[in-house]
C-alpha atoms as a PDB file:
ATOM      1  CA  UNK A   1      76.218 108.281 102.707  1.00  0.00           C
ATOM      2  CA  UNK A   2      77.185 105.341 104.940  1.00  0.00           C
ATOM      3  CA  UNK A   3      79.904 106.956 107.058  1.00  0.00           C
ATOM      4  CA  UNK A   4      78.859 107.090 110.690  1.00  0.00           C
ATOM      5  CA  UNK A   5      75.611 105.229 109.955  1.00  0.00           C
ATOM      6  CA  UNK A   6      74.103 102.015 111.298  1.00  0.00           C
ATOM      7  CA  UNK A   7      73.407  99.302 108.719  1.00  0.00           C
ATOM      8  CA  UNK A   8      71.469  96.085 109.374  1.00  0.00           C
ATOM      9  CA  UNK A   9      71.548  93.100 107.023  1.00  0.00           C
ATOM     10  CA  UNK A  10      69.065  90.261 107.472  1.00  0.00           C
ATOM     11  CA  UNK A  11      70.446  86.919 106.386  1.00  0.00           C
ATOM     12  CA  UNK A  12      73.812  88.614 106.688  1.00  0.00           C
ATOM     13  CA  UNK A  13      75.897  85.425 106.960  1.00  0.00           C
ATOM     14  CA  UNK A  14      75.034  84.440 103.383  1.00  0.00           C
ATOM     15  CA  UNK A  15      77.114  85.077 100.277  1.00  0.00           C
ATOM     16  CA  UNK A  16      75.570  88.491  99.645  1.00  0.00           C
ATOM     17  CA  UNK A  17      75.916  89.596 103.255  1.00  0.00           C
ATOM     18  CA  UNK A  18      79.607  88.752 103.424  1.00  0.00           C
ATOM     19  CA  UNK A  19      80.380  90.559 100.168  1.00  0.00           C
ATOM     20  CA  UNK A  20      78.275  93.522 101.296  1.00  0.00           C
ATOM     21  CA  UNK A  21      80.235  93.739 104.560  1.00  0.00           C
ATOM     22  CA  UNK A  22      83.564  93.456 102.723  1.00  0.00           C
ATOM     23  CA  UNK A  23      82.564  96.319 100.449  1.00  0.00           C
ATOM     24  CA  UNK A  24      81.259  98.594 103.204  1.00  0.00           C
ATOM     25  CA  UNK A  25      84.346  98.080 105.371  1.00  0.00           C
ATOM     26  CA  UNK A  26      86.614  98.764 102.400  1.00  0.00           C
ATOM     27  CA  UNK A  27      85.010 102.021 101.272  1.00  0.00           C
ATOM     28  CA  UNK A  28      83.179 103.489 104.283  1.00  0.00           C
ATOM     29  CA  UNK A  29      83.421 104.003 108.028  1.00  0.00           C
ATOM     30  CA  UNK A  30      80.024 102.988 109.434  1.00  0.00           C
ATOM     31  CA  UNK A  31      79.153 103.337 113.088  1.00  0.00           C
ATOM     32  CA  UNK A  32      77.733  99.795 113.191  1.00  0.00           C
ATOM     33  CA  UNK A  33      77.064  96.897 110.826  1.00  0.00           C
ATOM     34  CA  UNK A  34      74.503  94.538 112.331  1.00  0.00           C
ATOM     35  CA  UNK A  35      74.385  90.958 111.026  1.00  0.00           C
ATOM     36  CA  UNK A  36      70.919  89.607 111.772  1.00  0.00           C
ATOM     37  CA  UNK A  37      70.485  85.868 111.162  1.00  0.00           C
ATOM     38  CA  UNK A  38      69.397  82.695 112.893  1.00  0.00           C
ATOM     39  CA  UNK A  39      72.424  80.365 112.515  1.00  0.00           C
ATOM     40  CA  UNK A  40      74.831  80.720 115.452  1.00  0.00           C
ATOM     41  CA  UNK A  41      77.584  78.651 113.799  1.00  0.00           C
ATOM     42  CA  UNK A  42      77.593  80.796 110.646  1.00  0.00           C
ATOM     43  CA  UNK A  43      77.701  83.918 112.798  1.00  0.00           C
ATOM     44  CA  UNK A  44      80.580  82.517 114.872  1.00  0.00           C
ATOM     45  CA  UNK A  45      82.531  81.640 111.713  1.00  0.00           C
ATOM     46  CA  UNK A  46      81.839  85.017 110.103  1.00  0.00           C
ATOM     47  CA  UNK A  47      82.882  86.875 113.253  1.00  0.00           C
ATOM     48  CA  UNK A  48      86.316  85.256 113.091  1.00  0.00           C
ATOM     49  CA  UNK A  49      86.958  87.028 109.785  1.00  0.00           C
ATOM     50  CA  UNK A  50      84.872  90.178 110.175  1.00  0.00           C
ATOM     51  CA  UNK A  51      85.686  91.370 113.687  1.00  0.00           C
ATOM     52  CA  UNK A  52      86.039  95.129 113.176  1.00  0.00           C
ATOM     53  CA  UNK A  53      84.849  97.167 116.149  1.00  0.00           C
ATOM     54  CA  UNK A  54      81.784  98.283 114.186  1.00  0.00           C
ATOM     55  CA  UNK A  55      80.533  94.701 113.692  1.00  0.00           C
ATOM     56  CA  UNK A  56      77.559  93.417 115.692  1.00  0.00           C
ATOM     57  CA  UNK A  57      76.061  89.923 115.473  1.00  0.00           C
ATOM     58  CA  UNK A  58      72.403  89.441 116.396  1.00  0.00           C
ATOM     59  CA  UNK A  59      70.840  85.984 116.565  1.00  0.00           C
ATOM     60  CA  UNK A  60      67.270  86.280 115.362  1.00  0.00           C
ATOM     61  CA  UNK A  61      64.718  85.101 112.831  1.00  0.00           C
ATOM     62  CA  UNK A  62      62.753  87.389 110.512  1.00  0.00           C
ATOM     63  CA  UNK A  63      59.697  85.485 111.732  1.00  0.00           C
ATOM     64  CA  UNK A  64      60.264  87.063 115.176  1.00  0.00           C
ATOM     65  CA  UNK A  65      58.887  90.616 115.124  1.00  0.00           C
ATOM     66  CA  UNK A  66      59.821  91.581 118.743  1.00  0.00           C
ATOM     67  CA  UNK A  67      63.445  90.585 118.121  1.00  0.00           C
ATOM     68  CA  UNK A  68      63.509  92.578 114.858  1.00  0.00           C
ATOM     69  CA  UNK A  69      62.092  95.624 116.625  1.00  0.00           C
ATOM     70  CA  UNK A  70      64.912  95.517 119.172  1.00  0.00           C
ATOM     71  CA  UNK A  71      67.573  94.913 116.530  1.00  0.00           C
ATOM     72  CA  UNK A  72      66.479  97.918 114.468  1.00  0.00           C
ATOM     73  CA  UNK A  73      66.759 100.579 117.164  1.00  0.00           C
ATOM     74  CA  UNK A  74      68.743 103.546 115.721  1.00  0.00           C
ATOM     75  CA  UNK A  75      69.308 101.759 112.385  1.00  0.00           C
ATOM     76  CA  UNK A  76      69.694 103.975 109.289  1.00  0.00           C
ATOM     77  CA  UNK A  77      69.809 101.389 106.471  1.00  0.00           C
ATOM     78  CA  UNK A  78      68.302  97.914 106.180  1.00  0.00           C
ATOM     79  CA  UNK A  79      69.166  95.368 103.503  1.00  0.00           C
ATOM     80  CA  UNK A  80      66.681  92.508 103.652  1.00  0.00           C
ATOM     81  CA  UNK A  81      68.503  89.481 102.203  1.00  0.00           C
ATOM     82  CA  UNK A  82      67.053  86.703 104.363  1.00  0.00           C
ATOM     83  CA  UNK A  83      64.878  84.214 102.477  1.00  0.00           C
ATOM     84  CA  UNK A  84      64.209  80.552 101.846  1.00  0.00           C
ATOM     85  CA  UNK A  85      65.448  80.332  98.251  1.00  0.00           C
ATOM     86  CA  UNK A  86      65.678  76.699  97.124  1.00  0.00           C
ATOM     87  CA  UNK A  87      62.980  76.180  94.475  1.00  0.00           C
ATOM     88  CA  UNK A  88      62.217  72.427  94.864  1.00  0.00           C
ATOM     89  CA  UNK A  89      62.462  72.585  98.677  1.00  0.00           C
ATOM     90  CA  UNK A  90      59.941  75.441  98.681  1.00  0.00           C
ATOM     91  CA  UNK A  91      57.590  73.340  96.520  1.00  0.00           C
ATOM     92  CA  UNK A  92      57.656  70.569  99.137  1.00  0.00           C
ATOM     93  CA  UNK A  93      57.549  72.924 102.152  1.00  0.00           C
ATOM     94  CA  UNK A  94      55.348  75.802 100.976  1.00  0.00           C
ATOM     95  CA  UNK A  95      54.169  77.077 104.345  1.00  0.00           C
ATOM     96  CA  UNK A  96      57.708  77.308 105.720  1.00  0.00           C
ATOM     97  CA  UNK A  97      58.674  79.381 102.669  1.00  0.00           C
ATOM     98  CA  UNK A  98      55.669  81.639 103.202  1.00  0.00           C
ATOM     99  CA  UNK A  99      56.454  82.124 106.905  1.00  0.00           C
ATOM    100  CA  UNK A 100      59.929  83.431 106.083  1.00  0.00           C
ATOM    101  CA  UNK A 101      59.506  85.122 102.699  1.00  0.00           C
ATOM    102  CA  UNK A 102      56.057  86.682 103.188  1.00  0.00           C
ATOM    103  CA  UNK A 103      55.378  86.975 106.902  1.00  0.00           C
ATOM    104  CA  UNK A 104      59.036  87.749 107.517  1.00  0.00           C
ATOM    105  CA  UNK A 105      58.883  90.539 104.933  1.00  0.00           C
ATOM    106  CA  UNK A 106      55.923  92.129 106.729  1.00  0.00           C
ATOM    107  CA  UNK A 107      57.799  91.859 110.026  1.00  0.00           C
ATOM    108  CA  UNK A 108      60.741  93.726 108.483  1.00  0.00           C
ATOM    109  CA  UNK A 109      58.387  96.461 107.300  1.00  0.00           C
ATOM    110  CA  UNK A 110      56.669  96.773 110.671  1.00  0.00           C
ATOM    111  CA  UNK A 111      59.988  96.912 112.554  1.00  0.00           C
ATOM    112  CA  UNK A 112      61.356  99.527 110.147  1.00  0.00           C
ATOM    113  CA  UNK A 113      58.274 101.716 110.516  1.00  0.00           C
ATOM    114  CA  UNK A 114      58.234 101.331 114.317  1.00  0.00           C
ATOM    115  CA  UNK A 115      61.899 102.423 114.447  1.00  0.00           C
ATOM    116  CA  UNK A 116      61.579 105.031 111.670  1.00  0.00           C
ATOM    117  CA  UNK A 117      64.397 103.451 109.629  1.00  0.00           C
ATOM    118  CA  UNK A 118      65.008 105.914 106.753  1.00  0.00           C
ATOM    119  CA  UNK A 119      66.083 103.499 103.994  1.00  0.00           C
ATOM    120  CA  UNK A 120      65.167  99.858 103.370  1.00  0.00           C
ATOM    121  CA  UNK A 121      65.969  97.774 100.296  1.00  0.00           C
ATOM    122  CA  UNK A 122      64.615  94.247  99.938  1.00  0.00           C
ATOM    123  CA  UNK A 123      66.438  91.797  97.690  1.00  0.00           C
ATOM    124  CA  UNK A 124      64.195  90.043  95.206  1.00  0.00           C
ATOM    125  CA  UNK A 125      64.767  87.571  92.385  1.00  0.00           C
ATOM    126  CA  UNK A 126      63.968  87.099  88.708  1.00  0.00           C
ATOM    127  CA  UNK A 127      61.731  84.240  89.858  1.00  0.00           C
ATOM    128  CA  UNK A 128      59.329  86.816  91.355  1.00  0.00           C
ATOM    129  CA  UNK A 129      58.407  88.065  87.858  1.00  0.00           C
ATOM    130  CA  UNK A 130      55.562  86.001  86.339  1.00  0.00           C
ATOM    131  CA  UNK A 131      56.250  83.322  88.957  1.00  0.00           C
ATOM    132  CA  UNK A 132      55.908  79.624  88.137  1.00  0.00           C
ATOM    133  CA  UNK A 133      56.965  78.295  91.538  1.00  0.00           C
ATOM    134  CA  UNK A 134      56.213  78.820  95.208  1.00  0.00           C
ATOM    135  CA  UNK A 135      59.505  80.556  95.909  1.00  0.00           C
ATOM    136  CA  UNK A 136      58.921  83.073  93.114  1.00  0.00           C
ATOM    137  CA  UNK A 137      55.314  83.625  94.182  1.00  0.00           C
ATOM    138  CA  UNK A 138      56.392  84.259  97.780  1.00  0.00           C
ATOM    139  CA  UNK A 139      58.982  86.798  96.631  1.00  0.00           C
ATOM    140  CA  UNK A 140      56.414  88.527  94.407  1.00  0.00           C
ATOM    141  CA  UNK A 141      54.200  88.942  97.475  1.00  0.00           C
ATOM    142  CA  UNK A 142      57.226  90.247  99.380  1.00  0.00           C
ATOM    143  CA  UNK A 143      57.932  92.770  96.588  1.00  0.00           C
ATOM    144  CA  UNK A 144      54.319  93.960  96.717  1.00  0.00           C
ATOM    145  CA  UNK A 145      54.492  94.344 100.496  1.00  0.00           C
ATOM    146  CA  UNK A 146      57.635  96.473 100.349  1.00  0.00           C
ATOM    147  CA  UNK A 147      56.236  98.681  97.587  1.00  0.00           C
ATOM    148  CA  UNK A 148      52.933  99.186  99.434  1.00  0.00           C
ATOM    149  CA  UNK A 149      54.817  99.911 102.680  1.00  0.00           C
ATOM    150  CA  UNK A 150      55.519 103.402 101.322  1.00  0.00           C
ATOM    151  CA  UNK A 151      51.840 104.165 101.988  1.00  0.00           C
ATOM    152  CA  UNK A 152      52.213 103.177 105.660  1.00  0.00           C
ATOM    153  CA  UNK A 153      55.012 105.565 106.623  1.00  0.00           C
ATOM    154  CA  UNK A 154      52.732 108.507 107.425  1.00  0.00           C
ATOM    155  CA  UNK A 155      54.593 111.794 107.731  1.00  0.00           C
ATOM    156  CA  UNK A 156      57.931 110.115 108.448  1.00  0.00           C
ATOM    157  CA  UNK A 157      60.722 110.273 105.878  1.00  0.00           C
ATOM    158  CA  UNK A 158      60.924 106.504 105.380  1.00  0.00           C
ATOM    159  CA  UNK A 159      61.536 104.781 102.042  1.00  0.00           C
ATOM    160  CA  UNK A 160      61.141 101.169 100.926  1.00  0.00           C
ATOM    161  CA  UNK A 161      62.392  99.863  97.567  1.00  0.00           C
ATOM    162  CA  UNK A 162      63.193  96.514  95.953  1.00  0.00           C
ATOM    163  CA  UNK A 163      66.204  95.267  93.994  1.00  0.00           C
ATOM    164  CA  UNK A 164      65.518  92.368  91.628  1.00  0.00           C
ATOM    165  CA  UNK A 165      68.269  90.471  89.815  1.00  0.00           C
ATOM    166  CA  UNK A 166      69.159  87.030  88.448  1.00  0.00           C
ATOM    167  CA  UNK A 167      71.329  84.095  89.497  1.00  0.00           C
ATOM    168  CA  UNK A 168      74.444  85.052  91.446  1.00  0.00           C
ATOM    169  CA  UNK A 169      77.609  83.509  90.029  1.00  0.00           C
ATOM    170  CA  UNK A 170      79.334  81.077  92.414  1.00  0.00           C
ATOM    171  CA  UNK A 171      77.102  81.985  95.387  1.00  0.00           C
ATOM    172  CA  UNK A 172      76.542  79.443  98.147  1.00  0.00           C
ATOM    173  CA  UNK A 173      74.124  76.706  97.034  1.00  0.00           C
ATOM    174  CA  UNK A 174      74.081  77.773  93.368  1.00  0.00           C
ATOM    175  CA  UNK A 175      74.719  75.579  90.329  1.00  0.00           C
ATOM    176  CA  UNK A 176      78.351  76.533  89.630  1.00  0.00           C
ATOM    177  CA  UNK A 177      79.736  75.411  93.033  1.00  0.00           C
ATOM    178  CA  UNK A 178      77.571  72.296  92.664  1.00  0.00           C
ATOM    179  CA  UNK A 179      79.092  71.505  89.262  1.00  0.00           C
ATOM    180  CA  UNK A 180      82.592  72.169  90.585  1.00  0.00           C
ATOM    181  CA  UNK A 181      81.920  69.763  93.443  1.00  0.00           C
ATOM    182  CA  UNK A 182      80.758  67.068  91.016  1.00  0.00           C
ATOM    183  CA  UNK A 183      83.866  67.572  88.860  1.00  0.00           C
ATOM    184  CA  UNK A 184      86.157  67.360  91.915  1.00  0.00           C
ATOM    185  CA  UNK A 185      84.455  64.108  92.919  1.00  0.00           C
ATOM    186  CA  UNK A 186      85.170  62.597  89.490  1.00  0.00           C
ATOM    187  CA  UNK A 187      81.755  62.913  87.843  1.00  0.00           C
ATOM    188  CA  UNK A 188      81.572  61.507  84.311  1.00  0.00           C
ATOM    189  CA  UNK A 189      78.652  63.738  83.261  1.00  0.00           C
ATOM    190  CA  UNK A 190      77.083  67.049  84.326  1.00  0.00           C
ATOM    191  CA  UNK A 191      73.286  67.134  84.868  1.00  0.00           C
ATOM    192  CA  UNK A 192      71.351  69.641  82.750  1.00  0.00           C
ATOM    193  CA  UNK A 193      67.640  69.949  83.316  1.00  0.00           C
ATOM    194  CA  UNK A 194      66.745  71.237  79.820  1.00  0.00           C
ATOM    195  CA  UNK A 195      69.051  71.968  76.848  1.00  0.00           C
ATOM    196  CA  UNK A 196      67.427  75.303  75.897  1.00  0.00           C
ATOM    197  CA  UNK A 197      67.278  76.714  79.428  1.00  0.00           C
ATOM    198  CA  UNK A 198      68.683  80.241  79.928  1.00  0.00           C
ATOM    199  CA  UNK A 199      69.412  82.296  83.016  1.00  0.00           C
ATOM    200  CA  UNK A 200      70.455  85.840  83.938  1.00  0.00           C
ATOM    201  CA  UNK A 201      73.838  86.022  85.684  1.00  0.00           C
ATOM    202  CA  UNK A 202      75.378  88.597  88.024  1.00  0.00           C
ATOM    203  CA  UNK A 203      78.441  88.502  90.284  1.00  0.00           C
ATOM    204  CA  UNK A 204      78.211  89.066  94.023  1.00  0.00           C
ATOM    205  CA  UNK A 205      80.149  92.325  93.741  1.00  0.00           C
ATOM    206  CA  UNK A 206      77.916  93.577  90.930  1.00  0.00           C
ATOM    207  CA  UNK A 207      74.872  92.784  93.081  1.00  0.00           C
ATOM    208  CA  UNK A 208      76.317  94.597  96.090  1.00  0.00           C
ATOM    209  CA  UNK A 209      77.325  97.629  94.013  1.00  0.00           C
ATOM    210  CA  UNK A 210      73.846  97.778  92.491  1.00  0.00           C
ATOM    211  CA  UNK A 211      72.205  97.752  95.923  1.00  0.00           C
ATOM    212  CA  UNK A 212      74.534 100.453  97.256  1.00  0.00           C
ATOM    213  CA  UNK A 213      73.896 102.689  94.255  1.00  0.00           C
ATOM    214  CA  UNK A 214      70.147 102.258  94.595  1.00  0.00           C
ATOM    215  CA  UNK A 215      70.272 103.554  98.162  1.00  0.00           C
ATOM    216  CA  UNK A 216      71.401 106.796  96.506  1.00  0.00           C
ATOM    217  CA  UNK A 217      68.807 106.572  93.719  1.00  0.00           C
ATOM    218  CA  UNK A 218      65.738 105.459  95.639  1.00  0.00           C
ATOM    219  CA  UNK A 219      62.659 107.608  96.139  1.00  0.00           C
ATOM    220  CA  UNK A 220      60.542 104.784  97.542  1.00  0.00           C
ATOM    221  CA  UNK A 221      58.352 102.233  95.783  1.00  0.00           C
ATOM    222  CA  UNK A 222      60.648 101.332  92.882  1.00  0.00           C
ATOM    223  CA  UNK A 223      61.699  97.859  91.800  1.00  0.00           C
ATOM    224  CA  UNK A 224      65.232  98.267  90.447  1.00  0.00           C
ATOM    225  CA  UNK A 225      66.388  95.779  87.773  1.00  0.00           C
ATOM    226  CA  UNK A 226      69.979  95.790  86.452  1.00  0.00           C
ATOM    227  CA  UNK A 227      70.870  95.135  82.828  1.00  0.00           C
ATOM    228  CA  UNK A 228      72.903  91.930  83.101  1.00  0.00           C
ATOM    229  CA  UNK A 229      73.951  89.140  80.701  1.00  0.00           C
ATOM    230  CA  UNK A 230      72.252  85.820  79.978  1.00  0.00           C
ATOM    231  CA  UNK A 231      73.748  82.414  79.280  1.00  0.00           C
ATOM    232  CA  UNK A 232      72.381  79.033  78.270  1.00  0.00           C
ATOM    233  CA  UNK A 233      72.887  76.428  80.975  1.00  0.00           C
ATOM    234  CA  UNK A 234      74.477  74.091  78.428  1.00  0.00           C
ATOM    235  CA  UNK A 235      77.047  76.770  77.552  1.00  0.00           C
ATOM    236  CA  UNK A 236      77.735  77.392  81.219  1.00  0.00           C
ATOM    237  CA  UNK A 237      78.457  73.675  81.691  1.00  0.00           C
ATOM    238  CA  UNK A 238      80.697  73.631  78.591  1.00  0.00           C
ATOM    239  CA  UNK A 239      82.682  76.590  79.911  1.00  0.00           C
ATOM    240  CA  UNK A 240      83.311  74.896  83.255  1.00  0.00           C
ATOM    241  CA  UNK A 241      83.971  71.388  81.890  1.00  0.00           C
ATOM    242  CA  UNK A 242      84.482  71.507  78.102  1.00  0.00           C
ATOM    243  CA  UNK A 243      85.301  67.801  77.818  1.00  0.00           C
ATOM    244  CA  UNK A 244      82.592  66.462  80.116  1.00  0.00           C
ATOM    245  CA  UNK A 245      79.366  65.108  78.547  1.00  0.00           C
ATOM    246  CA  UNK A 246      76.029  66.548  79.650  1.00  0.00           C
ATOM    247  CA  UNK A 247      73.108  64.462  80.861  1.00  0.00           C
ATOM    248  CA  UNK A 248      69.593  65.858  80.357  1.00  0.00           C
ATOM    249  CA  UNK A 249      67.612  65.046  83.498  1.00  0.00           C
ATOM    250  CA  UNK A 250      64.401  67.073  82.990  1.00  0.00           C
ATOM    251  CA  UNK A 251      63.053  70.239  84.576  1.00  0.00           C
ATOM    252  CA  UNK A 252      62.782  70.120  88.359  1.00  0.00           C
ATOM    253  CA  UNK A 253      59.579  70.943  90.287  1.00  0.00           C
ATOM    254  CA  UNK A 254      58.800  74.650  89.911  1.00  0.00           C
ATOM    255  CA  UNK A 255      61.676  75.351  87.500  1.00  0.00           C
ATOM    256  CA  UNK A 256      61.199  77.714  84.517  1.00  0.00           C
ATOM    257  CA  UNK A 257      62.759  77.378  81.073  1.00  0.00           C
ATOM    258  CA  UNK A 258      63.652  81.091  80.897  1.00  0.00           C
ATOM    259  CA  UNK A 259      63.600  83.784  83.568  1.00  0.00           C
ATOM    260  CA  UNK A 260      61.885  87.174  83.427  1.00  0.00           C
ATOM    261  CA  UNK A 261      62.816  90.327  85.348  1.00  0.00           C
ATOM    262  CA  UNK A 262      60.473  92.906  83.779  1.00  0.00           C
ATOM    263  CA  UNK A 263      57.195  91.153  82.881  1.00  0.00           C
ATOM    264  CA  UNK A 264      55.215  92.018  79.769  1.00  0.00           C
ATOM    265  CA  UNK A 265      52.200  92.865  81.935  1.00  0.00           C
ATOM    266  CA  UNK A 266      54.288  95.529  83.711  1.00  0.00           C
ATOM    267  CA  UNK A 267      55.530  97.183  80.514  1.00  0.00           C
ATOM    268  CA  UNK A 268      53.268 100.200  81.113  1.00  0.00           C
ATOM    269  CA  UNK A 269      55.066 100.683  84.441  1.00  0.00           C
ATOM    270  CA  UNK A 270      58.637 100.058  83.235  1.00  0.00           C
ATOM    271  CA  UNK A 271      61.228 102.785  82.712  1.00  0.00           C
ATOM    272  CA  UNK A 272      64.562 102.201  80.983  1.00  0.00           C
ATOM    273  CA  UNK A 273      67.714 103.920  82.219  1.00  0.00           C
ATOM    274  CA  UNK A 274      71.228 103.562  80.822  1.00  0.00           C
ATOM    275  CA  UNK A 275      72.237 100.535  82.908  1.00  0.00           C
ATOM    276  CA  UNK A 276      69.019  99.469  84.614  1.00  0.00           C
ATOM    277  CA  UNK A 277      65.223  99.376  84.525  1.00  0.00           C
ATOM    278  CA  UNK A 278      62.755 100.662  87.094  1.00  0.00           C
ATOM    279  CA  UNK A 279      59.302  99.148  87.565  1.00  0.00           C
ATOM    280  CA  UNK A 280      57.061 101.846  89.002  1.00  0.00           C
ATOM    281  CA  UNK A 281      54.401 101.045  91.624  1.00  0.00           C
ATOM    282  CA  UNK A 282      51.022 100.032  90.220  1.00  0.00           C
ATOM    283  CA  UNK A 283      49.384 101.831  93.151  1.00  0.00           C
ATOM    284  CA  UNK A 284      49.401 105.554  93.893  1.00  0.00           C
ATOM    285  CA  UNK A 285      51.000 107.155  96.934  1.00  0.00           C
ATOM    286  CA  UNK A 286      49.689 110.161  98.861  1.00  0.00           C
ATOM    287  CA  UNK A 287      52.600 112.248  97.539  1.00  0.00           C
ATOM    288  CA  UNK A 288      53.142 111.724  93.777  1.00  0.00           C
ATOM    289  CA  UNK A 289      56.680 110.761  92.705  1.00  0.00           C
ATOM    290  CA  UNK A 290      58.279 111.375  89.310  1.00  0.00           C
ATOM    291  CA  UNK A 291      60.264 108.171  88.752  1.00  0.00           C
ATOM    292  CA  UNK A 292      61.605 109.289  85.361  1.00  0.00           C
ATOM    293  CA  UNK A 293      64.335 111.233  87.200  1.00  0.00           C
ATOM    294  CA  UNK A 294      66.036 109.755  90.257  1.00  0.00           C
ATOM    295  CA  UNK A 295      68.079 111.268  93.073  1.00  0.00           C
ATOM    296  CA  UNK A 296      71.273 110.914  90.993  1.00  0.00           C
ATOM    297  CA  UNK A 297      69.646 112.981  88.228  1.00  0.00           C
ATOM    298  CA  UNK A 298      69.597 109.959  85.909  1.00  0.00           C
ATOM    299  CA  UNK A 299      66.730 110.153  83.411  1.00  0.00           C
ATOM    300  CA  UNK A 300      64.676 107.192  82.258  1.00  0.00           C
ATOM    301  CA  UNK A 301      62.056 106.760  79.568  1.00  0.00           C
ATOM    302  CA  UNK A 302      59.057 104.486  79.227  1.00  0.00           C
ATOM    303  CA  UNK A 303      59.561 101.227  77.346  1.00  0.00           C
ATOM    304  CA  UNK A 304      57.262 100.212  74.510  1.00  0.00           C
ATOM    305  CA  UNK A 305      54.004  98.497  75.392  1.00  0.00           C
ATOM    306  CA  UNK A 306      54.490  94.741  75.336  1.00  0.00           C
ATOM    307  CA  UNK A 307      58.178  94.956  76.303  1.00  0.00           C
ATOM    308  CA  UNK A 308      59.513  92.078  78.381  1.00  0.00           C
ATOM    309  CA  UNK A 309      63.023  91.720  79.793  1.00  0.00           C
ATOM    310  CA  UNK A 310      63.746  87.989  79.823  1.00  0.00           C
ATOM    311  CA  UNK A 311      66.824  85.757  79.721  1.00  0.00           C
ATOM    312  CA  UNK A 312      65.922  84.246  76.327  1.00  0.00           C
ATOM    313  CA  UNK A 313      65.598  87.508  74.368  1.00  0.00           C
ATOM    314  CA  UNK A 314      68.328  89.403  76.213  1.00  0.00           C
ATOM    315  CA  UNK A 315      70.726  91.447  74.051  1.00  0.00           C
ATOM    316  CA  UNK A 316      73.701  90.807  76.388  1.00  0.00           C
ATOM    317  CA  UNK A 317      75.244  87.321  76.518  1.00  0.00           C
ATOM    318  CA  UNK A 318      78.160  85.864  78.465  1.00  0.00           C
ATOM    319  CA  UNK A 319      80.938  84.122  76.552  1.00  0.00           C
ATOM    320  CA  UNK A 320      82.796  81.134  78.021  1.00  0.00           C
ATOM    321  CA  UNK A 321      85.824  83.326  78.670  1.00  0.00           C
ATOM    322  CA  UNK A 322      83.773  86.045  80.394  1.00  0.00           C
ATOM    323  CA  UNK A 323      82.058  83.480  82.606  1.00  0.00           C
ATOM    324  CA  UNK A 324      85.349  81.932  83.739  1.00  0.00           C
ATOM    325  CA  UNK A 325      86.803  85.389  84.390  1.00  0.00           C
ATOM    326  CA  UNK A 326      83.830  86.329  86.580  1.00  0.00           C
ATOM    327  CA  UNK A 327      84.011  83.045  88.508  1.00  0.00           C
ATOM    328  CA  UNK A 328      87.709  83.536  89.206  1.00  0.00           C
ATOM    329  CA  UNK A 329      87.175  87.170  90.195  1.00  0.00           C
ATOM    330  CA  UNK A 330      84.484  86.103  92.664  1.00  0.00           C
ATOM    331  CA  UNK A 331      86.772  83.484  94.214  1.00  0.00           C
ATOM    332  CA  UNK A 332      89.611  86.009  94.485  1.00  0.00           C
ATOM    333  CA  UNK A 333      87.330  88.483  96.266  1.00  0.00           C
ATOM    334  CA  UNK A 334      86.364  85.859  98.851  1.00  0.00           C
ATOM    335  CA  UNK A 335      89.977  85.183  99.867  1.00  0.00           C
END
């Protein structure tokens, strides 16, 4: 599907973008991979490692529609990974978050439609479901924009879908590298915001594989949600530093106790497949789509009314051993 094609990744110098590029270069022979991001130093550093002849590096911001329109000429696949993601920082700088996560999302859509890009997947977050913070609310708006974009494509064969998943293990700026940094610096305690807090966890490679598979599945308008394990934050800290005491510091601005990926209020729209869920659009498109059967001939069924997929009531849980294995696997992949 990706051989000979042109793929553009916004925010491509981040953890996801690098793992995505590694995976594509390992398994496919694309015509071009375009890294679209605004940080010249990160692009320079990435280009030292990923310098295959198919690689292209475009300086640009998702807030800049004319630059996006130029970057997307002849592009076949777009992965929209660029976002302002830090929850407390978004609470203190709400308009900056909105400019990137909401207005930037609409710019991506407009540039894709103008260039007739066949396939676009936007990366979302569990924080977009029943949001309690500005970051989550901005990503919910982004999700709605990408779903509704399927009504703007006219007669062109253009599809927009969303992938929503939880915390990425050991990704840049996440809690595990932060804890490891504290331990390396000789910390005597690890800070925990709330002892009962739970989170969904996924590895970078699992996230990349899920996105790639959904390019094959997508019909346009779906929100894809993987079935992934949960873990209490206290157990995560114990796994990393079993002999280090934990200090309860209180929930940060905008932080939730448990995360949701399929909200209760969307249960009438939610389909369950073997290894994932699909949240159908709440709006209708000009051409009806049967989401119970995807392009891989996988069949899903409606969940019960009142169903909610959250990190507290999840049926899959990570053990200490499994967590450490996944962390090590992620580090090995980055070498």
